[in-house]
All heavy atoms as atom14 arrays in JSON, in Angstrom:
{
  "sequence": "LVAAEHLFDGPARRDWSLRFLAAPGHLMLIAYIEGLPAGFITGI",
  "atom14_mask": [
    [1, 1, 1, 1, 1, 1, 1, 1, 0, 0, 0, 0, 0, 0],
    [1, 1, 1, 1, 1, 1, 1, 0, 0, 0, 0, 0, 0, 0],
    [1, 1, 1, 1, 1, 0, 0, 0, 0, 0, 0, 0, 0, 0],
    [1, 1, 1, 1, 1, 0, 0, 0, 0, 0, 0, 0, 0, 0],
    [1, 1, 1, 1, 1, 1, 1, 1, 1, 0, 0, 0, 0, 0],
    [1, 1, 1, 1, 1, 1, 1, 1, 1, 1, 0, 0, 0, 0],
    [1, 1, 1, 1, 1, 1, 1, 1, 0, 0, 0, 0, 0, 0],
    [1, 1, 1, 1, 1, 1, 1, 1, 1, 1, 1, 0, 0, 0],
    [1, 1, 1, 1, 1, 1, 1, 1, 0, 0, 0, 0, 0, 0],
    [1, 1, 1, 1, 0, 0, 0, 0, 0, 0, 0, 0, 0, 0],
    [1, 1, 1, 1, 1, 1, 1, 0, 0, 0, 0, 0, 0, 0],
    [1, 1, 1, 1, 1, 0, 0, 0, 0, 0, 0, 0, 0, 0],
    [1, 1, 1, 1, 1, 1, 1, 1, 1, 1, 1, 0, 0, 0],
    [1, 1, 1, 1, 1, 1, 1, 1, 1, 1, 1, 0, 0, 0],
    [1, 1, 1, 1, 1, 1, 1, 1, 0, 0, 0, 0, 0, 0],
    [1, 1, 1, 1, 1, 1, 1, 1, 1, 1, 1, 1, 1, 1],
    [1, 1, 1, 1, 1, 1, 0, 0, 0, 0, 0, 0, 0, 0],
    [1, 1, 1, 1, 1, 1, 1, 1, 0, 0, 0, 0, 0, 0],
    [1, 1, 1, 1, 1, 1, 1, 1, 1, 1, 1, 0, 0, 0],
    [1, 1, 1, 1, 1, 1, 1, 1, 1, 1, 1, 0, 0, 0],
    [1, 1, 1, 1, 1, 1, 1, 1, 0, 0, 0, 0, 0, 0],
    [1, 1, 1, 1, 1, 0, 0, 0, 0, 0, 0, 0, 0, 0],
    [1, 1, 1, 1, 1, 0, 0, 0, 0, 0, 0, 0, 0, 0],
    [1, 1, 1, 1, 1, 1, 1, 0, 0, 0, 0, 0, 0, 0],
    [1, 1, 1, 1, 0, 0, 0, 0, 0, 0, 0, 0, 0, 0],
    [1, 1, 1, 1, 1, 1, 1, 1, 1, 1, 0, 0, 0, 0],
    [1, 1, 1, 1, 1, 1, 1, 1, 0, 0, 0, 0, 0, 0],
    [1, 1, 1, 1, 1, 1, 1, 1, 0, 0, 0, 0, 0, 0],
    [1, 1, 1, 1, 1, 1, 1, 1, 0, 0, 0, 0, 0, 0],
    [1, 1, 1, 1, 1, 1, 1, 1, 0, 0, 0, 0, 0, 0],
    [1, 1, 1, 1, 1, 0, 0, 0, 0, 0, 0, 0, 0, 0],
    [1, 1, 1, 1, 1, 1, 1, 1, 1, 1, 1, 1, 0, 0],
    [1, 1, 1, 1, 1, 1, 1, 1, 0, 0, 0, 0, 0, 0],
    [1, 1, 1, 1, 1, 1, 1, 1, 1, 0, 0, 0, 0, 0],
    [1, 1, 1, 1, 0, 0, 0, 0, 0, 0, 0, 0, 0, 0],
    [1, 1, 1, 1, 1, 1, 1, 1, 0, 0, 0, 0, 0, 0],
    [1, 1, 1, 1, 1, 1, 1, 0, 0, 0, 0, 0, 0, 0],
    [1, 1, 1, 1, 1, 0, 0, 0, 0, 0, 0, 0, 0, 0],
    [1, 1, 1, 1, 0, 0, 0, 0, 0, 0, 0, 0, 0, 0],
    [1, 1, 1, 1, 1, 1, 1, 1, 1, 1, 1, 0, 0, 0],
    [1, 1, 1, 1, 1, 1, 1, 1, 0, 0, 0, 0, 0, 0],
    [1, 1, 1, 1, 1, 1, 1, 0, 0, 0, 0, 0, 0, 0],
    [1, 1, 1, 1, 0, 0, 0, 0, 0, 0, 0, 0, 0, 0],
    [1, 1, 1, 1, 1, 1, 1, 1, 0, 0, 0, 0, 0, 0]
  ],
  "atom14_positions": [
    [[5.04, 13.77, 2.19], [4.95, 12.29, 2.13], [6.32, 11.67, 1.99], [6.6, 10.62, 2.62], [4.03, 11.85, 0.98], [2.61, 12.47, 1.01], [1.79, 11.88, -0.07], [1.95, 12.3, 2.35], [0.0, 0.0, 0.0], [0.0, 0.0, 0.0], [0.0, 0.0, 0.0], [0.0, 0.0, 0.0], [0.0, 0.0, 0.0], [0.0, 0.0, 0.0]],
    [[7.19, 12.27, 1.2], [8.53, 11.77, 1.05], [9.26, 11.85, 2.37], [9.99, 10.91, 2.79], [9.29, 12.52, -0.07], [10.77, 12.18, -0.06], [8.66, 12.22, -1.45], [0.0, 0.0, 0.0], [0.0, 0.0, 0.0], [0.0, 0.0, 0.0], [0.0, 0.0, 0.0], [0.0, 0.0, 0.0], [0.0, 0.0, 0.0], [0.0, 0.0, 0.0]],
    [[9.09, 12.95, 3.1], [9.75, 13.11, 4.4], [9.24, 12.09, 5.41], [9.95, 11.74, 6.38], [9.53, 14.54, 4.95], [0.0, 0.0, 0.0], [0.0, 0.0, 0.0], [0.0, 0.0, 0.0], [0.0, 0.0, 0.0], [0.0, 0.0, 0.0], [0.0, 0.0, 0.0], [0.0, 0.0, 0.0], [0.0, 0.0, 0.0], [0.0, 0.0, 0.0]],
    [[8.04, 11.58, 5.2], [7.45, 10.6, 6.15], [7.51, 9.17, 5.63], [6.98, 8.25, 6.25], [5.98, 10.98, 6.4], [0.0, 0.0, 0.0], [0.0, 0.0, 0.0], [0.0, 0.0, 0.0], [0.0, 0.0, 0.0], [0.0, 0.0, 0.0], [0.0, 0.0, 0.0], [0.0, 0.0, 0.0], [0.0, 0.0, 0.0], [0.0, 0.0, 0.0]],
    [[8.2, 8.92, 4.5], [8.17, 7.62, 3.88], [8.78, 6.53, 4.76], [8.47, 5.33, 4.55], [8.81, 7.63, 2.49], [10.28, 7.79, 2.48], [10.83, 7.9, 1.05], [10.07, 7.93, 0.06], [12.07, 7.93, 0.94], [0.0, 0.0, 0.0], [0.0, 0.0, 0.0], [0.0, 0.0, 0.0], [0.0, 0.0, 0.0], [0.0, 0.0, 0.0]],
    [[9.59, 6.86, 5.74], [10.09, 5.84, 6.67], [8.98, 5.2, 7.47], [9.17, 4.11, 8.03], [11.15, 6.41, 7.59], [10.62, 7.48, 8.52], [10.37, 8.76, 8.14], [10.27, 7.38, 9.82], [9.91, 9.44, 9.16], [9.83, 8.65, 10.21], [0.0, 0.0, 0.0], [0.0, 0.0, 0.0], [0.0, 0.0, 0.0], [0.0, 0.0, 0.0]],
    [[7.81, 5.8, 7.48], [6.65, 5.29, 8.18], [5.85, 4.31, 7.33], [5.03, 3.57, 7.84], [5.74, 6.42, 8.61], [6.36, 7.46, 9.54], [5.46, 8.66, 9.66], [6.66, 6.86, 10.91], [0.0, 0.0, 0.0], [0.0, 0.0, 0.0], [0.0, 0.0, 0.0], [0.0, 0.0, 0.0], [0.0, 0.0, 0.0], [0.0, 0.0, 0.0]],
    [[6.06, 4.36, 6.01], [5.27, 3.53, 5.06], [5.96, 2.2, 4.83], [7.06, 1.96, 5.27], [5.16, 4.26, 3.71], [4.62, 5.69, 3.82], [5.0, 6.65, 2.87], [3.81, 6.1, 4.81], [4.51, 7.93, 2.91], [3.32, 7.37, 4.88], [3.67, 8.33, 3.94], [0.0, 0.0, 0.0], [0.0, 0.0, 0.0], [0.0, 0.0, 0.0]],
    [[5.28, 1.34, 4.09], [5.84, 0.04, 3.75], [6.95, 0.12, 2.71], [7.76, -0.79, 2.59], [4.73, -0.89, 3.19], [3.68, -1.19, 4.24], [4.02, -1.24, 5.45], [2.5, -1.37, 3.87], [0.0, 0.0, 0.0], [0.0, 0.0, 0.0], [0.0, 0.0, 0.0], [0.0, 0.0, 0.0], [0.0, 0.0, 0.0], [0.0, 0.0, 0.0]],
    [[6.99, 1.21, 1.94], [8.01, 1.42, 0.94], [8.15, 2.92, 0.64], [7.5, 3.74, 1.26], [0.0, 0.0, 0.0], [0.0, 0.0, 0.0], [0.0, 0.0, 0.0], [0.0, 0.0, 0.0], [0.0, 0.0, 0.0], [0.0, 0.0, 0.0], [0.0, 0.0, 0.0], [0.0, 0.0, 0.0], [0.0, 0.0, 0.0], [0.0, 0.0, 0.0]],
    [[9.02, 3.24, -0.32], [9.22, 4.65, -0.64], [7.97, 5.31, -1.24], [7.21, 4.68, -1.94], [10.35, 4.66, -1.68], [10.7, 3.24, -1.92], [9.83, 2.34, -1.09], [0.0, 0.0, 0.0], [0.0, 0.0, 0.0], [0.0, 0.0, 0.0], [0.0, 0.0, 0.0], [0.0, 0.0, 0.0], [0.0, 0.0, 0.0], [0.0, 0.0, 0.0]],
    [[7.81, 6.58, -0.95], [6.73, 7.38, -1.51], [7.11, 7.84, -2.9], [8.11, 8.53, -3.06], [6.41, 8.58, -0.63], [0.0, 0.0, 0.0], [0.0, 0.0, 0.0], [0.0, 0.0, 0.0], [0.0, 0.0, 0.0], [0.0, 0.0, 0.0], [0.0, 0.0, 0.0], [0.0, 0.0, 0.0], [0.0, 0.0, 0.0], [0.0, 0.0, 0.0]],
    [[6.34, 7.44, -3.89], [6.57, 7.89, -5.26], [5.88, 9.21, -5.48], [4.72, 9.39, -5.05], [6.05, 6.86, -6.25], [6.92, 5.64, -6.31], [6.51, 4.67, -7.35], [5.88, 5.24, -8.55], [5.42, 4.5, -9.56], [5.55, 3.18, -9.55], [4.86, 5.07, -10.61], [0.0, 0.0, 0.0], [0.0, 0.0, 0.0], [0.0, 0.0, 0.0]],
    [[6.54, 10.14, -6.12], [5.99, 11.47, -6.34], [4.7, 11.43, -7.13], [3.72, 12.08, -6.79], [7.01, 12.39, -7.04], [6.49, 13.78, -7.23], [7.58, 14.76, -7.69], [7.02, 16.02, -8.06], [6.51, 16.91, -7.27], [6.48, 16.72, -5.98], [6.03, 18.08, -7.73], [0.0, 0.0, 0.0], [0.0, 0.0, 0.0], [0.0, 0.0, 0.0]],
    [[4.65, 10.62, -8.22], [3.43, 10.56, -9.02], [2.24, 10.01, -8.24], [1.14, 10.53, -8.3], [3.67, 9.79, -10.33], [4.17, 8.35, -10.12], [4.81, 8.08, -9.1], [3.95, 7.54, -11.02], [0.0, 0.0, 0.0], [0.0, 0.0, 0.0], [0.0, 0.0, 0.0], [0.0, 0.0, 0.0], [0.0, 0.0, 0.0], [0.0, 0.0, 0.0]],
    [[2.46, 8.97, -7.43], [1.39, 8.42, -6.61], [1.02, 9.42, -5.5], [-0.15, 9.53, -5.17], [1.77, 7.09, -6.01], [1.91, 5.98, -7.03], [1.5, 5.99, -8.35], [2.48, 4.71, -6.8], [1.78, 4.79, -8.92], [2.39, 3.96, -8.0], [3.07, 4.11, -5.71], [2.86, 2.68, -8.13], [3.56, 2.81, -5.82], [3.45, 2.1, -7.04]],
    [[1.99, 10.1, -4.94], [1.72, 11.08, -3.91], [0.85, 12.21, -4.43], [-0.11, 12.61, -3.79], [3.04, 11.65, -3.35], [3.8, 10.64, -2.72], [0.0, 0.0, 0.0], [0.0, 0.0, 0.0], [0.0, 0.0, 0.0], [0.0, 0.0, 0.0], [0.0, 0.0, 0.0], [0.0, 0.0, 0.0], [0.0, 0.0, 0.0], [0.0, 0.0, 0.0]],
    [[1.2, 12.71, -5.62], [0.37, 13.77, -6.23], [-1.05, 13.31, -6.46], [-2.01, 14.03, -6.18], [1.0, 14.24, -7.54], [2.22, 15.14, -7.44], [2.94, 15.23, -8.8], [1.83, 16.5, -6.94], [0.0, 0.0, 0.0], [0.0, 0.0, 0.0], [0.0, 0.0, 0.0], [0.0, 0.0, 0.0], [0.0, 0.0, 0.0], [0.0, 0.0, 0.0]],
    [[-1.18, 12.09, -6.97], [-2.54, 11.56, -7.26], [-3.32, 11.35, -6.0], [-4.48, 11.7, -5.93], [-2.34, 10.23, -8.02], [-3.6, 9.66, -8.57], [-3.32, 8.49, -9.42], [-4.54, 7.75, -9.67], [-4.62, 6.56, -10.17], [-3.49, 5.92, -10.51], [-5.72, 5.94, -10.37], [0.0, 0.0, 0.0], [0.0, 0.0, 0.0], [0.0, 0.0, 0.0]],
    [[-2.66, 10.81, -4.91], [-3.36, 10.63, -3.68], [-3.84, 11.96, -3.1], [-5.0, 12.09, -2.7], [-2.44, 9.95, -2.65], [-3.07, 9.77, -1.29], [-3.74, 8.61, -1.0], [-2.97, 10.77, -0.32], [-4.36, 8.46, 0.25], [-3.56, 10.57, 0.91], [-4.24, 9.44, 1.17], [0.0, 0.0, 0.0], [0.0, 0.0, 0.0], [0.0, 0.0, 0.0]],
    [[-2.96, 12.94, -3.07], [-3.31, 14.23, -2.48], [-4.39, 15.0, -3.29], [-5.14, 15.76, -2.72], [-2.05, 15.11, -2.33], [-1.02, 14.57, -1.33], [0.27, 15.36, -1.42], [-1.56, 14.61, 0.1], [0.0, 0.0, 0.0], [0.0, 0.0, 0.0], [0.0, 0.0, 0.0], [0.0, 0.0, 0.0], [0.0, 0.0, 0.0], [0.0, 0.0, 0.0]],
    [[-4.43, 14.76, -4.59], [-5.4, 15.41, -5.42], [-6.78, 14.74, -5.44], [-7.77, 15.36, -5.81], [-4.88, 15.48, -6.88], [0.0, 0.0, 0.0], [0.0, 0.0, 0.0], [0.0, 0.0, 0.0], [0.0, 0.0, 0.0], [0.0, 0.0, 0.0], [0.0, 0.0, 0.0], [0.0, 0.0, 0.0], [0.0, 0.0, 0.0], [0.0, 0.0, 0.0]],
    [[-6.82, 13.49, -5.01], [-8.09, 12.75, -5.05], [-9.07, 13.27, -4.01], [-8.74, 13.32, -2.79], [-7.82, 11.26, -4.83], [0.0, 0.0, 0.0], [0.0, 0.0, 0.0], [0.0, 0.0, 0.0], [0.0, 0.0, 0.0], [0.0, 0.0, 0.0], [0.0, 0.0, 0.0], [0.0, 0.0, 0.0], [0.0, 0.0, 0.0], [0.0, 0.0, 0.0]],
    [[-10.27, 13.63, -4.41], [-11.26, 14.07, -3.42], [-11.52, 12.97, -2.39], [-11.67, 11.8, -2.75], [-12.51, 14.35, -4.26], [-12.02, 14.54, -5.65], [-10.79, 13.66, -5.78], [0.0, 0.0, 0.0], [0.0, 0.0, 0.0], [0.0, 0.0, 0.0], [0.0, 0.0, 0.0], [0.0, 0.0, 0.0], [0.0, 0.0, 0.0], [0.0, 0.0, 0.0]],
    [[-11.62, 13.35, -1.13], [-11.92, 12.39, -0.09], [-10.75, 11.58, 0.4], [-10.92, 10.78, 1.32], [0.0, 0.0, 0.0], [0.0, 0.0, 0.0], [0.0, 0.0, 0.0], [0.0, 0.0, 0.0], [0.0, 0.0, 0.0], [0.0, 0.0, 0.0], [0.0, 0.0, 0.0], [0.0, 0.0, 0.0], [0.0, 0.0, 0.0], [0.0, 0.0, 0.0]],
    [[-9.56, 11.77, -0.14], [-8.37, 11.07, 0.34], [-7.64, 11.97, 1.36], [-7.37, 13.14, 1.05], [-7.43, 10.72, -0.78], [-7.85, 9.57, -1.57], [-9.06, 9.5, -2.28], [-7.26, 8.38, -1.8], [-9.15, 8.35, -2.89], [-8.09, 7.62, -2.63], [0.0, 0.0, 0.0], [0.0, 0.0, 0.0], [0.0, 0.0, 0.0], [0.0, 0.0, 0.0]],
    [[-7.38, 11.43, 2.55], [-6.73, 12.24, 3.59], [-5.53, 11.52, 4.13], [-5.56, 10.29, 4.34], [-7.69, 12.41, 4.77], [-9.04, 13.04, 4.47], [-9.97, 12.78, 5.67], [-8.87, 14.51, 4.26], [0.0, 0.0, 0.0], [0.0, 0.0, 0.0], [0.0, 0.0, 0.0], [0.0, 0.0, 0.0], [0.0, 0.0, 0.0], [0.0, 0.0, 0.0]],
    [[-4.46, 12.26, 4.4], [-3.34, 11.7, 5.16], [-3.01, 12.74, 6.21], [-2.78, 13.91, 5.94], [-2.1, 11.43, 4.33], [-0.97, 10.9, 5.24], [0.49, 10.35, 4.41], [-0.17, 8.93, 3.54], [0.0, 0.0, 0.0], [0.0, 0.0, 0.0], [0.0, 0.0, 0.0], [0.0, 0.0, 0.0], [0.0, 0.0, 0.0], [0.0, 0.0, 0.0]],
    [[-3.07, 12.26, 7.47], [-2.66, 13.1, 8.6], [-1.34, 12.56, 9.1], [-1.18, 11.34, 9.24], [-3.71, 12.99, 9.72], [-5.16, 13.38, 9.32], [-6.11, 13.04, 10.46], [-5.27, 14.8, 8.9], [0.0, 0.0, 0.0], [0.0, 0.0, 0.0], [0.0, 0.0, 0.0], [0.0, 0.0, 0.0], [0.0, 0.0, 0.0], [0.0, 0.0, 0.0]],
    [[-0.42, 13.47, 9.33], [0.92, 13.09, 9.84], [1.11, 13.68, 11.21], [0.84, 14.85, 11.46], [2.01, 13.57, 8.88], [1.81, 12.95, 7.49], [3.41, 13.19, 9.43], [2.79, 13.42, 6.43], [0.0, 0.0, 0.0], [0.0, 0.0, 0.0], [0.0, 0.0, 0.0], [0.0, 0.0, 0.0], [0.0, 0.0, 0.0], [0.0, 0.0, 0.0]],
    [[1.54, 12.81, 12.12], [1.9, 13.25, 13.51], [3.4, 13.59, 13.54], [4.24, 12.82, 13.11], [1.6, 12.11, 14.5], [0.0, 0.0, 0.0], [0.0, 0.0, 0.0], [0.0, 0.0, 0.0], [0.0, 0.0, 0.0], [0.0, 0.0, 0.0], [0.0, 0.0, 0.0], [0.0, 0.0, 0.0], [0.0, 0.0, 0.0], [0.0, 0.0, 0.0]],
    [[3.68, 14.76, 14.08], [5.04, 15.22, 14.2], [5.41, 15.35, 15.69], [4.61, 15.87, 16.47], [5.23, 16.58, 13.55], [5.01, 16.55, 12.05], [3.76, 16.72, 11.5], [6.09, 16.33, 11.19], [3.58, 16.72, 10.12], [5.89, 16.33, 9.81], [4.63, 16.49, 9.28], [4.44, 16.48, 7.92], [0.0, 0.0, 0.0], [0.0, 0.0, 0.0]],
    [[6.59, 14.9, 16.01], [7.18, 15.13, 17.34], [8.4, 16.0, 17.12], [9.32, 15.58, 16.44], [7.56, 13.82, 18.06], [6.37, 12.9, 18.27], [8.3, 14.11, 19.36], [5.44, 13.34, 19.4], [0.0, 0.0, 0.0], [0.0, 0.0, 0.0], [0.0, 0.0, 0.0], [0.0, 0.0, 0.0], [0.0, 0.0, 0.0], [0.0, 0.0, 0.0]],
    [[8.37, 17.19, 17.69], [9.47, 18.15, 17.53], [9.84, 18.32, 16.03], [11.0, 18.34, 15.67], [10.67, 17.74, 18.36], [10.34, 17.74, 19.84], [11.56, 17.4, 20.72], [12.6, 17.0, 20.17], [11.41, 17.53, 21.93], [0.0, 0.0, 0.0], [0.0, 0.0, 0.0], [0.0, 0.0, 0.0], [0.0, 0.0, 0.0], [0.0, 0.0, 0.0]],
    [[8.83, 18.38, 15.18], [9.01, 18.63, 13.76], [9.35, 17.42, 12.91], [9.45, 17.53, 11.72], [0.0, 0.0, 0.0], [0.0, 0.0, 0.0], [0.0, 0.0, 0.0], [0.0, 0.0, 0.0], [0.0, 0.0, 0.0], [0.0, 0.0, 0.0], [0.0, 0.0, 0.0], [0.0, 0.0, 0.0], [0.0, 0.0, 0.0], [0.0, 0.0, 0.0]],
    [[9.5, 16.23, 13.52], [9.86, 15.03, 12.78], [8.63, 14.13, 12.64], [7.88, 13.92, 13.61], [10.96, 14.24, 13.53], [12.27, 15.01, 13.7], [13.22, 14.18, 14.54], [12.89, 15.35, 12.34], [0.0, 0.0, 0.0], [0.0, 0.0, 0.0], [0.0, 0.0, 0.0], [0.0, 0.0, 0.0], [0.0, 0.0, 0.0], [0.0, 0.0, 0.0]],
    [[8.4, 13.55, 11.45], [7.25, 12.62, 11.25], [7.39, 11.41, 12.13], [8.39, 10.68, 12.05], [7.35, 12.27, 9.75], [8.2, 13.29, 9.12], [9.15, 13.74, 10.18], [0.0, 0.0, 0.0], [0.0, 0.0, 0.0], [0.0, 0.0, 0.0], [0.0, 0.0, 0.0], [0.0, 0.0, 0.0], [0.0, 0.0, 0.0], [0.0, 0.0, 0.0]],
    [[6.41, 11.17, 12.98], [6.43, 10.06, 13.93], [5.32, 9.04, 13.64], [5.43, 7.91, 14.09], [6.28, 10.58, 15.36], [0.0, 0.0, 0.0], [0.0, 0.0, 0.0], [0.0, 0.0, 0.0], [0.0, 0.0, 0.0], [0.0, 0.0, 0.0], [0.0, 0.0, 0.0], [0.0, 0.0, 0.0], [0.0, 0.0, 0.0], [0.0, 0.0, 0.0]],
    [[4.28, 9.42, 12.94], [3.18, 8.53, 12.65], [2.3, 9.14, 11.58], [2.41, 10.29, 11.26], [0.0, 0.0, 0.0], [0.0, 0.0, 0.0], [0.0, 0.0, 0.0], [0.0, 0.0, 0.0], [0.0, 0.0, 0.0], [0.0, 0.0, 0.0], [0.0, 0.0, 0.0], [0.0, 0.0, 0.0], [0.0, 0.0, 0.0], [0.0, 0.0, 0.0]],
    [[1.39, 8.3, 11.06], [0.46, 8.76, 10.05], [-0.82, 7.93, 10.07], [-0.83, 6.83, 10.64], [1.06, 8.66, 8.63], [1.07, 7.28, 8.07], [0.09, 6.9, 7.17], [2.0, 6.34, 8.46], [0.04, 5.58, 6.67], [1.99, 5.04, 7.96], [1.0, 4.67, 7.07], [0.0, 0.0, 0.0], [0.0, 0.0, 0.0], [0.0, 0.0, 0.0]],
    [[-1.85, 8.5, 9.49], [-3.11, 7.8, 9.28], [-3.67, 8.24, 7.96], [-3.57, 9.41, 7.6], [-4.1, 8.05, 10.44], [-5.26, 7.08, 10.42], [-4.56, 9.49, 10.49], [-6.11, 7.1, 11.69], [0.0, 0.0, 0.0], [0.0, 0.0, 0.0], [0.0, 0.0, 0.0], [0.0, 0.0, 0.0], [0.0, 0.0, 0.0], [0.0, 0.0, 0.0]],
    [[-4.24, 7.31, 7.23], [-4.94, 7.66, 5.97], [-6.39, 7.29, 6.1], [-6.74, 6.3, 6.67], [-4.31, 6.97, 4.74], [-4.26, 5.57, 4.96], [-2.92, 7.48, 4.43], [0.0, 0.0, 0.0], [0.0, 0.0, 0.0], [0.0, 0.0, 0.0], [0.0, 0.0, 0.0], [0.0, 0.0, 0.0], [0.0, 0.0, 0.0], [0.0, 0.0, 0.0]],
    [[-7.2, 8.15, 5.51], [-8.62, 7.9, 5.48], [-9.12, 8.14, 4.05], [-8.61, 9.0, 3.34], [0.0, 0.0, 0.0], [0.0, 0.0, 0.0], [0.0, 0.0, 0.0], [0.0, 0.0, 0.0], [0.0, 0.0, 0.0], [0.0, 0.0, 0.0], [0.0, 0.0, 0.0], [0.0, 0.0, 0.0], [0.0, 0.0, 0.0], [0.0, 0.0, 0.0]],
    [[-10.14, 7.4, 3.68], [-10.75, 7.55, 2.35], [-12.28, 7.6, 2.56], [-12.87, 6.69, 3.12], [-10.4, 6.37, 1.45], [-8.87, 6.29, 1.28], [-11.08, 6.52, 0.09], [-8.4, 5.06, 0.58], [0.0, 0.0, 0.0], [0.0, 0.0, 0.0], [0.0, 0.0, 0.0], [0.0, 0.0, 0.0], [0.0, 0.0, 0.0], [0.0, 0.0, 0.0]]
  ]
}
């Protein structure tokens, strides 16, 4: 998430990132082009 934070509205905070990833039913998919984060989608 930190590596993809340029795609977000602001910086990815580690505490919020941990909480998001640990929450059941929370998903973030990241699209990579040649290994670089190019896009994302979140679902709940």
